[in-house]
Structures are given as structure tokens and as C-alpha cells.
Amino acid sequence: MDSTQATAIFSALSQPTRLDTLRLLVKLEPKGLPAGEIARQLDVPQNTMSTHLAILARAGLVDAERHGRWIIYRAVFDRVREITSYLVQDCCGGRP
């Protein structure tokens, strides 16, 4: 991961609703949730939630999968691991 990718992720997470959304999806893994249910649980209008989910998806933090008439959103754990590793890669003077 380079600093441009990291900045895009941090930008996506710099808004409270998007951060809360990712945290909710991480908590509910591997089940995921449809957008409407995410909006209901976070008390956000559905059209606003769609925008937030699109931003998180562009940053690679959430993924969507169609199940019948529902689109289920899930956290992308590989991306969460990447940003976490990026943050601590130079930690502690090379001492684990």
C-alpha cells in the first residue's frame, strides 16, 4: 500500500457515519447487512447511506453481493488489514 491509497482510505473513514458503517459491518462479519438495514441501525436516510456505502466501496473497504432482491454489504477484511499494517509497519524501531 502506498500513501495515496492510504490517504483515500483515511478520507473515506474521516466521516462519522462511514466510520460507524465500517465498524458495524466488521462487527457483523461474515453475515453482512443490506443497505436499508444499515441505514436503519445507524438512523441515517437510505439515500444518504447509499452515498456513504459507495464511498467506502471505492476505497475498497466494503464489498456488495446480490442475494435475490437484496444487496448485502460486507467489510473487506484484507483491506482493513492492509491499512492497519501500513500504520504500524515502522513501529517500535523494528522491534515487534
PDB file of N, CA and C in Angstrom:
ATOM      1  N   MET A   1       0.854  -1.171   0.000  1.00  0.00           N
ATOM      2  CA  MET A   1       0.000   0.000   0.000  1.00  0.00           C
ATOM      3  C   MET A   1       0.895   1.227   0.000  1.00  0.00           C
ATOM      4  N   ASP A   2       0.522   2.215  -0.799  1.00  0.00           N
ATOM      5  CA  ASP A   2       1.290   3.452  -0.808  1.00  0.00           C
ATOM      6  C   ASP A   2       0.503   4.559  -0.114  1.00  0.00           C
ATOM      7  N   SER A   3       1.118   5.702   0.035  1.00  0.00           N
ATOM      8  CA  SER A   3       0.477   6.789   0.782  1.00  0.00           C
ATOM      9  C   SER A   3      -0.773   7.315   0.084  1.00  0.00           C
ATOM     10  N   THR A   4      -0.829   7.240  -1.245  1.00  0.00           N
ATOM     11  CA  THR A   4      -2.031   7.693  -1.962  1.00  0.00           C
ATOM     12  C   THR A   4      -3.220   6.792  -1.634  1.00  0.00           C
ATOM     13  N   GLN A   5      -2.996   5.469  -1.622  1.00  0.00           N
ATOM     14  CA  GLN A   5      -4.065   4.531  -1.265  1.00  0.00           C
ATOM     15  C   GLN A   5      -4.482   4.720   0.190  1.00  0.00           C
ATOM     16  N   ALA A   6      -3.505   4.885   1.066  1.00  0.00           N
ATOM     17  CA  ALA A   6      -3.812   5.083   2.486  1.00  0.00           C
ATOM     18  C   ALA A   6      -4.621   6.356   2.688  1.00  0.00           C
ATOM     19  N   THR A   7      -4.259   7.402   1.986  1.00  0.00           N
ATOM     20  CA  THR A   7      -4.983   8.664   2.112  1.00  0.00           C
ATOM     21  C   THR A   7      -6.432   8.515   1.653  1.00  0.00           C
ATOM     22  N   ALA A   8      -6.661   7.754   0.598  1.00  0.00           N
ATOM     23  CA  ALA A   8      -8.037   7.522   0.119  1.00  0.00           C
ATOM     24  C   ALA A   8      -8.856   6.786   1.176  1.00  0.00           C
ATOM     25  N   ILE A   9      -8.244   5.822   1.843  1.00  0.00           N
ATOM     26  CA  ILE A   9      -8.951   5.087   2.893  1.00  0.00           C
ATOM     27  C   ILE A   9      -9.251   6.000   4.075  1.00  0.00           C
ATOM     28  N   PHE A  10      -8.261   6.760   4.503  1.00  0.00           N
ATOM     29  CA  PHE A  10      -8.482   7.672   5.631  1.00  0.00           C
ATOM     30  C   PHE A  10      -9.525   8.727   5.289  1.00  0.00           C
ATOM     31  N   SER A  11      -9.530   9.182   4.052  1.00  0.00           N
ATOM     32  CA  SER A  11     -10.540  10.152   3.624  1.00  0.00           C
ATOM     33  C   SER A  11     -11.934   9.538   3.718  1.00  0.00           C
ATOM     34  N   ALA A  12     -12.075   8.288   3.271  1.00  0.00           N
ATOM     35  CA  ALA A  12     -13.373   7.612   3.348  1.00  0.00           C
ATOM     36  C   ALA A  12     -13.827   7.452   4.789  1.00  0.00           C
ATOM     37  N   LEU A  13     -12.885   7.224   5.699  1.00  0.00           N
ATOM     38  CA  LEU A  13     -13.234   6.993   7.105  1.00  0.00           C
ATOM     39  C   LEU A  13     -13.292   8.273   7.935  1.00  0.00           C
ATOM     40  N   SER A  14     -13.038   9.409   7.302  1.00  0.00           N
ATOM     41  CA  SER A  14     -12.994  10.666   8.063  1.00  0.00           C
ATOM     42  C   SER A  14     -14.377  11.231   8.375  1.00  0.00           C
ATOM     43  N   GLN A  15     -15.411  10.557   7.922  1.00  0.00           N
ATOM     44  CA  GLN A  15     -16.783  10.995   8.174  1.00  0.00           C
ATOM     45  C   GLN A  15     -17.403  10.014   9.170  1.00  0.00           C
ATOM     46  N   PRO A  16     -18.026  10.508  10.226  1.00  0.00           N
ATOM     47  CA  PRO A  16     -18.518   9.627  11.296  1.00  0.00           C
ATOM     48  C   PRO A  16     -19.465   8.509  10.851  1.00  0.00           C
ATOM     49  N   THR A  17     -20.388   8.789   9.946  1.00  0.00           N
ATOM     50  CA  THR A  17     -21.327   7.752   9.511  1.00  0.00           C
ATOM     51  C   THR A  17     -20.594   6.632   8.781  1.00  0.00           C
ATOM     52  N   ARG A  18     -19.616   6.993   7.960  1.00  0.00           N
ATOM     53  CA  ARG A  18     -18.863   5.961   7.240  1.00  0.00           C
ATOM     54  C   ARG A  18     -18.021   5.129   8.201  1.00  0.00           C
ATOM     55  N   LEU A  19     -17.428   5.762   9.174  1.00  0.00           N
ATOM     56  CA  LEU A  19     -16.662   5.022  10.170  1.00  0.00           C
ATOM     57  C   LEU A  19     -17.582   4.082  10.951  1.00  0.00           C
ATOM     58  N   ASP A  20     -18.736   4.584  11.361  1.00  0.00           N
ATOM     59  CA  ASP A  20     -19.713   3.745  12.078  1.00  0.00           C
ATOM     60  C   ASP A  20     -20.197   2.582  11.207  1.00  0.00           C
ATOM     61  N   THR A  21     -20.367   2.846   9.919  1.00  0.00           N
ATOM     62  CA  THR A  21     -20.809   1.801   8.991  1.00  0.00           C
ATOM     63  C   THR A  21     -19.781   0.688   8.903  1.00  0.00           C
ATOM     64  N   LEU A  22     -18.519   1.049   8.730  1.00  0.00           N
ATOM     65  CA  LEU A  22     -17.478   0.029   8.652  1.00  0.00           C
ATOM     66  C   LEU A  22     -17.394  -0.756   9.954  1.00  0.00           C
ATOM     67  N   ARG A  23     -17.461  -0.071  11.068  1.00  0.00           N
ATOM     68  CA  ARG A  23     -17.401  -0.763  12.358  1.00  0.00           C
ATOM     69  C   ARG A  23     -18.572  -1.737  12.522  1.00  0.00           C
ATOM     70  N   LEU A  24     -19.772  -1.321  12.099  1.00  0.00           N
ATOM     71  CA  LEU A  24     -20.941  -2.191  12.170  1.00  0.00           C
ATOM     72  C   LEU A  24     -20.734  -3.428  11.297  1.00  0.00           C
ATOM     73  N   LEU A  25     -20.248  -3.229  10.082  1.00  0.00           N
ATOM     74  CA  LEU A  25     -20.052  -4.361   9.184  1.00  0.00           C
ATOM     75  C   LEU A  25     -18.956  -5.299   9.679  1.00  0.00           C
ATOM     76  N   VAL A  26     -17.917  -4.755  10.287  1.00  0.00           N
ATOM     77  CA  VAL A  26     -16.876  -5.595  10.874  1.00  0.00           C
ATOM     78  C   VAL A  26     -17.475  -6.438  11.994  1.00  0.00           C
ATOM     79  N   LYS A  27     -18.290  -5.806  12.803  1.00  0.00           N
ATOM     80  CA  LYS A  27     -18.927  -6.493  13.931  1.00  0.00           C
ATOM     81  C   LYS A  27     -19.816  -7.641  13.461  1.00  0.00           C
ATOM     82  N   LEU A  28     -20.466  -7.475  12.324  1.00  0.00           N
ATOM     83  CA  LEU A  28     -21.443  -8.458  11.846  1.00  0.00           C
ATOM     84  C   LEU A  28     -20.872  -9.456  10.839  1.00  0.00           C
ATOM     85  N   GLU A  29     -19.579  -9.444  10.638  1.00  0.00           N
ATOM     86  CA  GLU A  29     -18.972 -10.404   9.718  1.00  0.00           C
ATOM     87  C   GLU A  29     -19.189 -11.824  10.214  1.00  0.00           C
ATOM     88  N   PRO A  30     -19.400 -12.778   9.337  1.00  0.00           N
ATOM     89  CA  PRO A  30     -19.391 -12.692   7.879  1.00  0.00           C
ATOM     90  C   PRO A  30     -20.774 -12.468   7.277  1.00  0.00           C
ATOM     91  N   LYS A  31     -21.768 -12.270   8.124  1.00  0.00           N
ATOM     92  CA  LYS A  31     -23.150 -12.165   7.668  1.00  0.00           C
ATOM     93  C   LYS A  31     -23.389 -10.965   6.748  1.00  0.00           C
ATOM     94  N   GLY A  32     -22.918  -9.784   7.134  1.00  0.00           N
ATOM     95  CA  GLY A  32     -23.198  -8.588   6.355  1.00  0.00           C
ATOM     96  C   GLY A  32     -24.613  -8.095   6.560  1.00  0.00           C
ATOM     97  N   LEU A  33     -24.937  -6.992   5.904  1.00  0.00           N
ATOM     98  CA  LEU A  33     -26.281  -6.400   6.023  1.00  0.00           C
ATOM     99  C   LEU A  33     -26.675  -5.708   4.725  1.00  0.00           C
ATOM    100  N   PRO A  34     -27.976  -5.674   4.429  1.00  0.00           N
ATOM    101  CA  PRO A  34     -28.434  -4.855   3.312  1.00  0.00           C
ATOM    102  C   PRO A  34     -28.353  -3.371   3.671  1.00  0.00           C
ATOM    103  N   ALA A  35     -28.242  -2.531   2.672  1.00  0.00           N
ATOM    104  CA  ALA A  35     -28.092  -1.093   2.875  1.00  0.00           C
ATOM    105  C   ALA A  35     -29.211  -0.505   3.727  1.00  0.00           C
ATOM    106  N   GLY A  36     -30.442  -0.924   3.482  1.00  0.00           N
ATOM    107  CA  GLY A  36     -31.571  -0.395   4.247  1.00  0.00           C
ATOM    108  C   GLY A  36     -31.465  -0.698   5.733  1.00  0.00           C
ATOM    109  N   GLU A  37     -30.980  -1.888   6.051  1.00  0.00           N
ATOM    110  CA  GLU A  37     -30.829  -2.265   7.457  1.00  0.00           C
ATOM    111  C   GLU A  37     -29.670  -1.496   8.109  1.00  0.00           C
ATOM    112  N   ILE A  38     -28.616  -1.282   7.346  1.00  0.00           N
ATOM    113  CA  ILE A  38     -27.507  -0.458   7.873  1.00  0.00           C
ATOM    114  C   ILE A  38     -28.034   0.940   8.178  1.00  0.00           C
ATOM    115  N   ALA A  39     -28.785   1.498   7.233  1.00  0.00           N
ATOM    116  CA  ALA A  39     -29.351   2.842   7.422  1.00  0.00           C
ATOM    117  C   ALA A  39     -30.256   2.885   8.649  1.00  0.00           C
ATOM    118  N   ARG A  40     -31.090   1.857   8.812  1.00  0.00           N
ATOM    119  CA  ARG A  40     -31.992   1.817   9.959  1.00  0.00           C
ATOM    120  C   ARG A  40     -31.209   1.745  11.266  1.00  0.00           C
ATOM    121  N   GLN A  41     -30.228   0.871  11.336  1.00  0.00           N
ATOM    122  CA  GLN A  41     -29.476   0.711  12.580  1.00  0.00           C
ATOM    123  C   GLN A  41     -28.674   1.955  12.945  1.00  0.00           C
ATOM    124  N   LEU A  42     -28.222   2.691  11.926  1.00  0.00           N
ATOM    125  CA  LEU A  42     -27.432   3.895  12.200  1.00  0.00           C
ATOM    126  C   LEU A  42     -28.274   5.168  12.163  1.00  0.00           C
ATOM    127  N   ASP A  43     -29.585   5.014  11.923  1.00  0.00           N
ATOM    128  CA  ASP A  43     -30.517   6.139  11.879  1.00  0.00           C
ATOM    129  C   ASP A  43     -30.079   7.190  10.850  1.00  0.00           C
ATOM    130  N   VAL A  44     -29.874   6.711   9.628  1.00  0.00           N
ATOM    131  CA  VAL A  44     -29.433   7.552   8.511  1.00  0.00           C
ATOM    132  C   VAL A  44     -30.423   7.344   7.365  1.00  0.00           C
ATOM    133  N   PRO A  45     -30.803   8.393   6.631  1.00  0.00           N
ATOM    134  CA  PRO A  45     -31.690   8.201   5.472  1.00  0.00           C
ATOM    135  C   PRO A  45     -31.057   7.235   4.466  1.00  0.00           C
ATOM    136  N   GLN A  46     -31.892   6.417   3.816  1.00  0.00           N
ATOM    137  CA  GLN A  46     -31.376   5.391   2.912  1.00  0.00           C
ATOM    138  C   GLN A  46     -30.582   5.966   1.746  1.00  0.00           C
ATOM    139  N   ASN A  47     -31.023   7.089   1.176  1.00  0.00           N
ATOM    140  CA  ASN A  47     -30.279   7.657   0.051  1.00  0.00           C
ATOM    141  C   ASN A  47     -28.907   8.165   0.505  1.00  0.00           C
ATOM    142  N   THR A  48     -28.838   8.687   1.709  1.00  0.00           N
ATOM    143  CA  THR A  48     -27.563   9.129   2.265  1.00  0.00           C
ATOM    144  C   THR A  48     -26.657   7.929   2.509  1.00  0.00           C
ATOM    145  N   MET A  49     -27.219   6.841   3.019  1.00  0.00           N
ATOM    146  CA  MET A  49     -26.434   5.637   3.273  1.00  0.00           C
ATOM    147  C   MET A  49     -25.861   5.082   1.979  1.00  0.00           C
ATOM    148  N   SER A  50     -26.631   5.117   0.902  1.00  0.00           N
ATOM    149  CA  SER A  50     -26.132   4.641  -0.390  1.00  0.00           C
ATOM    150  C   SER A  50     -24.888   5.408  -0.819  1.00  0.00           C
ATOM    151  N   THR A  51     -24.891   6.692  -0.601  1.00  0.00           N
ATOM    152  CA  THR A  51     -23.724   7.513  -0.925  1.00  0.00           C
ATOM    153  C   THR A  51     -22.531   7.117  -0.069  1.00  0.00           C
ATOM    154  N   HIS A  52     -22.745   6.941   1.222  1.00  0.00           N
ATOM    155  CA  HIS A  52     -21.658   6.544   2.118  1.00  0.00           C
ATOM    156  C   HIS A  52     -21.098   5.172   1.723  1.00  0.00           C
ATOM    157  N   LEU A  53     -21.970   4.235   1.400  1.00  0.00           N
ATOM    158  CA  LEU A  53     -21.517   2.904   1.000  1.00  0.00           C
ATOM    159  C   LEU A  53     -20.719   2.948  -0.300  1.00  0.00           C
ATOM    160  N   ALA A  54     -21.115   3.809  -1.212  1.00  0.00           N
ATOM    161  CA  ALA A  54     -20.368   3.952  -2.467  1.00  0.00           C
ATOM    162  C   ALA A  54     -18.953   4.474  -2.209  1.00  0.00           C
ATOM    163  N   ILE A  55     -18.823   5.423  -1.298  1.00  0.00           N
ATOM    164  CA  ILE A  55     -17.507   5.963  -0.956  1.00  0.00           C
ATOM    165  C   ILE A  55     -16.642   4.889  -0.298  1.00  0.00           C
ATOM    166  N   LEU A  56     -17.226   4.121   0.615  1.00  0.00           N
ATOM    167  CA  LEU A  56     -16.487   3.038   1.260  1.00  0.00           C
ATOM    168  C   LEU A  56     -16.093   1.963   0.248  1.00  0.00           C
ATOM    169  N   ALA A  57     -16.957   1.689  -0.709  1.00  0.00           N
ATOM    170  CA  ALA A  57     -16.647   0.691  -1.740  1.00  0.00           C
ATOM    171  C   ALA A  57     -15.504   1.173  -2.639  1.00  0.00           C
ATOM    172  N   ARG A  58     -15.518   2.446  -3.022  1.00  0.00           N
ATOM    173  CA  ARG A  58     -14.426   2.990  -3.847  1.00  0.00           C
ATOM    174  C   ARG A  58     -13.086   2.904  -3.128  1.00  0.00           C
ATOM    175  N   ALA A  59     -13.104   3.026  -1.809  1.00  0.00           N
ATOM    176  CA  ALA A  59     -11.880   2.910  -1.021  1.00  0.00           C
ATOM    177  C   ALA A  59     -11.495   1.448  -0.795  1.00  0.00           C
ATOM    178  N   GLY A  60     -12.345   0.525  -1.223  1.00  0.00           N
ATOM    179  CA  GLY A  60     -12.064  -0.895  -1.081  1.00  0.00           C
ATOM    180  C   GLY A  60     -12.352  -1.455   0.296  1.00  0.00           C
ATOM    181  N   LEU A  61     -13.111  -0.719   1.108  1.00  0.00           N
ATOM    182  CA  LEU A  61     -13.381  -1.131   2.486  1.00  0.00           C
ATOM    183  C   LEU A  61     -14.630  -1.975   2.642  1.00  0.00           C
ATOM    184  N   VAL A  62     -15.570  -1.864   1.705  1.00  0.00           N
ATOM    185  CA  VAL A  62     -16.772  -2.698   1.728  1.00  0.00           C
ATOM    186  C   VAL A  62     -16.976  -3.305   0.347  1.00  0.00           C
ATOM    187  N   ASP A  63     -17.668  -4.418   0.347  1.00  0.00           N
ATOM    188  CA  ASP A  63     -17.992  -5.129  -0.873  1.00  0.00           C
ATOM    189  C   ASP A  63     -19.480  -5.431  -0.839  1.00  0.00           C
ATOM    190  N   ALA A  64     -20.088  -5.540  -2.012  1.00  0.00           N
ATOM    191  CA  ALA A  64     -21.521  -5.814  -2.093  1.00  0.00           C
ATOM    192  C   ALA A  64     -21.751  -7.073  -2.919  1.00  0.00           C
ATOM    193  N   GLU A  65     -22.756  -7.845  -2.497  1.00  0.00           N
ATOM    194  CA  GLU A  65     -23.115  -9.059  -3.206  1.00  0.00           C
ATOM    195  C   GLU A  65     -24.631  -9.160  -3.257  1.00  0.00           C
ATOM    196  N   ARG A  66     -25.137  -9.416  -4.443  1.00  0.00           N
ATOM    197  CA  ARG A  66     -26.589  -9.523  -4.607  1.00  0.00           C
ATOM    198  C   ARG A  66     -27.065 -10.896  -4.155  1.00  0.00           C
ATOM    199  N   HIS A  67     -28.123 -10.877  -3.328  1.00  0.00           N
ATOM    200  CA  HIS A  67     -28.824 -12.087  -2.893  1.00  0.00           C
ATOM    201  C   HIS A  67     -30.295 -11.858  -3.176  1.00  0.00           C
ATOM    202  N   GLY A  68     -30.756 -12.364  -4.309  1.00  0.00           N
ATOM    203  CA  GLY A  68     -32.138 -12.121  -4.703  1.00  0.00           C
ATOM    204  C   GLY A  68     -32.352 -10.647  -4.949  1.00  0.00           C
ATOM    205  N   ARG A  69     -33.289 -10.068  -4.241  1.00  0.00           N
ATOM    206  CA  ARG A  69     -33.551  -8.631  -4.420  1.00  0.00           C
ATOM    207  C   ARG A  69     -32.743  -7.761  -3.467  1.00  0.00           C
ATOM    208  N   TRP A  70     -31.952  -8.380  -2.601  1.00  0.00           N
ATOM    209  CA  TRP A  70     -31.148  -7.646  -1.630  1.00  0.00           C
ATOM    210  C   TRP A  70     -29.699  -7.530  -2.090  1.00  0.00           C
ATOM    211  N   ILE A  71     -29.078  -6.423  -1.746  1.00  0.00           N
ATOM    212  CA  ILE A  71     -27.635  -6.267  -1.918  1.00  0.00           C
ATOM    213  C   ILE A  71     -27.055  -6.253  -0.516  1.00  0.00           C
ATOM    214  N   ILE A  72     -26.236  -7.241  -0.231  1.00  0.00           N
ATOM    215  CA  ILE A  72     -25.645  -7.399   1.099  1.00  0.00           C
ATOM    216  C   ILE A  72     -24.254  -6.789   1.092  1.00  0.00           C
ATOM    217  N   TYR A  73     -24.002  -5.923   2.052  1.00  0.00           N
ATOM    218  CA  TYR A  73     -22.692  -5.268   2.186  1.00  0.00           C
ATOM    219  C   TYR A  73     -21.900  -5.940   3.290  1.00  0.00           C
ATOM    220  N   ARG A  74     -20.607  -6.097   3.025  1.00  0.00           N
ATOM    221  CA  ARG A  74     -19.686  -6.691   3.999  1.00  0.00           C
ATOM    222  C   ARG A  74     -18.396  -5.884   4.030  1.00  0.00           C
ATOM    223  N   ALA A  75     -17.736  -5.945   5.165  1.00  0.00           N
ATOM    224  CA  ALA A  75     -16.413  -5.334   5.290  1.00  0.00           C
ATOM    225  C   ALA A  75     -15.407  -6.178   4.508  1.00  0.00           C
ATOM    226  N   VAL A  76     -14.417  -5.527   3.916  1.00  0.00           N
ATOM    227  CA  VAL A  76     -13.336  -6.220   3.216  1.00  0.00           C
ATOM    228  C   VAL A  76     -12.154  -6.285   4.181  1.00  0.00           C
ATOM    229  N   PHE A  77     -12.035  -7.429   4.850  1.00  0.00           N
ATOM    230  CA  PHE A  77     -11.022  -7.564   5.896  1.00  0.00           C
ATOM    231  C   PHE A  77      -9.597  -7.452   5.371  1.00  0.00           C
ATOM    232  N   ASP A  78      -9.352  -7.901   4.154  1.00  0.00           N
ATOM    233  CA  ASP A  78      -7.997  -7.773   3.609  1.00  0.00           C
ATOM    234  C   ASP A  78      -7.587  -6.301   3.532  1.00  0.00           C
ATOM    235  N   ARG A  79      -8.526  -5.456   3.148  1.00  0.00           N
ATOM    236  CA  ARG A  79      -8.226  -4.016   3.045  1.00  0.00           C
ATOM    237  C   ARG A  79      -8.022  -3.413   4.434  1.00  0.00           C
ATOM    238  N   VAL A  80      -8.836  -3.834   5.399  1.00  0.00           N
ATOM    239  CA  VAL A  80      -8.679  -3.350   6.773  1.00  0.00           C
ATOM    240  C   VAL A  80      -7.317  -3.779   7.314  1.00  0.00           C
ATOM    241  N   ARG A  81      -6.919  -5.010   7.021  1.00  0.00           N
ATOM    242  CA  ARG A  81      -5.588  -5.488   7.443  1.00  0.00           C
ATOM    243  C   ARG A  81      -4.478  -4.679   6.778  1.00  0.00           C
ATOM    244  N   GLU A  82      -4.645  -4.377   5.490  1.00  0.00           N
ATOM    245  CA  GLU A  82      -3.635  -3.598   4.763  1.00  0.00           C
ATOM    246  C   GLU A  82      -3.415  -2.233   5.407  1.00  0.00           C
ATOM    247  N   ILE A  83      -4.495  -1.541   5.723  1.00  0.00           N
ATOM    248  CA  ILE A  83      -4.337  -0.201   6.294  1.00  0.00           C
ATOM    249  C   ILE A  83      -3.766  -0.285   7.701  1.00  0.00           C
ATOM    250  N   THR A  84      -4.132  -1.310   8.434  1.00  0.00           N
ATOM    251  CA  THR A  84      -3.572  -1.496   9.775  1.00  0.00           C
ATOM    252  C   THR A  84      -2.074  -1.774   9.678  1.00  0.00           C
ATOM    253  N   SER A  85      -1.689  -2.647   8.775  1.00  0.00           N
ATOM    254  CA  SER A  85      -0.265  -2.957   8.584  1.00  0.00           C
ATOM    255  C   SER A  85       0.508  -1.724   8.130  1.00  0.00           C
ATOM    256  N   TYR A  86      -0.102  -0.946   7.252  1.00  0.00           N
ATOM    257  CA  TYR A  86       0.537   0.286   6.782  1.00  0.00           C
ATOM    258  C   TYR A  86       0.829   1.228   7.956  1.00  0.00           C
ATOM    259  N   LEU A  87      -0.108   1.312   8.885  1.00  0.00           N
ATOM    260  CA  LEU A  87       0.048   2.217  10.017  1.00  0.00           C
ATOM    261  C   LEU A  87       1.164   1.789  10.960  1.00  0.00           C
ATOM    262  N   VAL A  88       1.377   0.487  11.103  1.00  0.00           N
ATOM    263  CA  VAL A  88       2.340   0.008  12.094  1.00  0.00           C
ATOM    264  C   VAL A  88       3.612  -0.581  11.482  1.00  0.00           C
ATOM    265  N   GLN A  89       3.799  -0.451  10.181  1.00  0.00           N
ATOM    266  CA  GLN A  89       4.937  -1.095   9.543  1.00  0.00           C
ATOM    267  C   GLN A  89       6.289  -0.619  10.073  1.00  0.00           C
ATOM    268  N   ASP A  90       6.390   0.588  10.536  1.00  0.00           N
ATOM    269  CA  ASP A  90       7.656   1.103  11.048  1.00  0.00           C
ATOM    270  C   ASP A  90       7.649   1.235  12.574  1.00  0.00           C
ATOM    271  N   CYS A  91       6.751   0.506  13.196  1.00  0.00           N
ATOM    272  CA  CYS A  91       6.565   0.610  14.635  1.00  0.00           C
ATOM    273  C   CYS A  91       7.784   0.164  15.431  1.00  0.00           C
ATOM    274  N   CYS A  92       8.012   0.841  16.492  1.00  0.00           N
ATOM    275  CA  CYS A  92       8.881   0.381  17.566  1.00  0.00           C
ATOM    276  C   CYS A  92      10.335   0.179  17.158  1.00  0.00           C
ATOM    277  N   GLY A  93      10.796   0.957  16.208  1.00  0.00           N
ATOM    278  CA  GLY A  93      12.182   0.859  15.782  1.00  0.00           C
ATOM    279  C   GLY A  93      12.549  -0.520  15.261  1.00  0.00           C
ATOM    280  N   GLY A  94      11.594  -1.221  14.644  1.00  0.00           N
ATOM    281  CA  GLY A  94      11.856  -2.552  14.096  1.00  0.00           C
ATOM    282  C   GLY A  94      11.719  -3.674  15.113  1.00  0.00           C
ATOM    283  N   ARG A  95      11.373  -3.340  16.340  1.00  0.00           N
ATOM    284  CA  ARG A  95      11.177  -4.375  17.371  1.00  0.00           C
ATOM    285  C   ARG A  95       9.693  -4.688  17.491  1.00  0.00           C
ATOM    286  N   PRO A  96       9.345  -5.987  17.372  1.00  0.00           N
ATOM    287  CA  PRO A  96       7.908  -6.334  17.476  1.00  0.00           C
ATOM    288  C   PRO A  96       7.361  -6.085  18.870  1.00  0.00           C
TER     289      PRO A  96
END
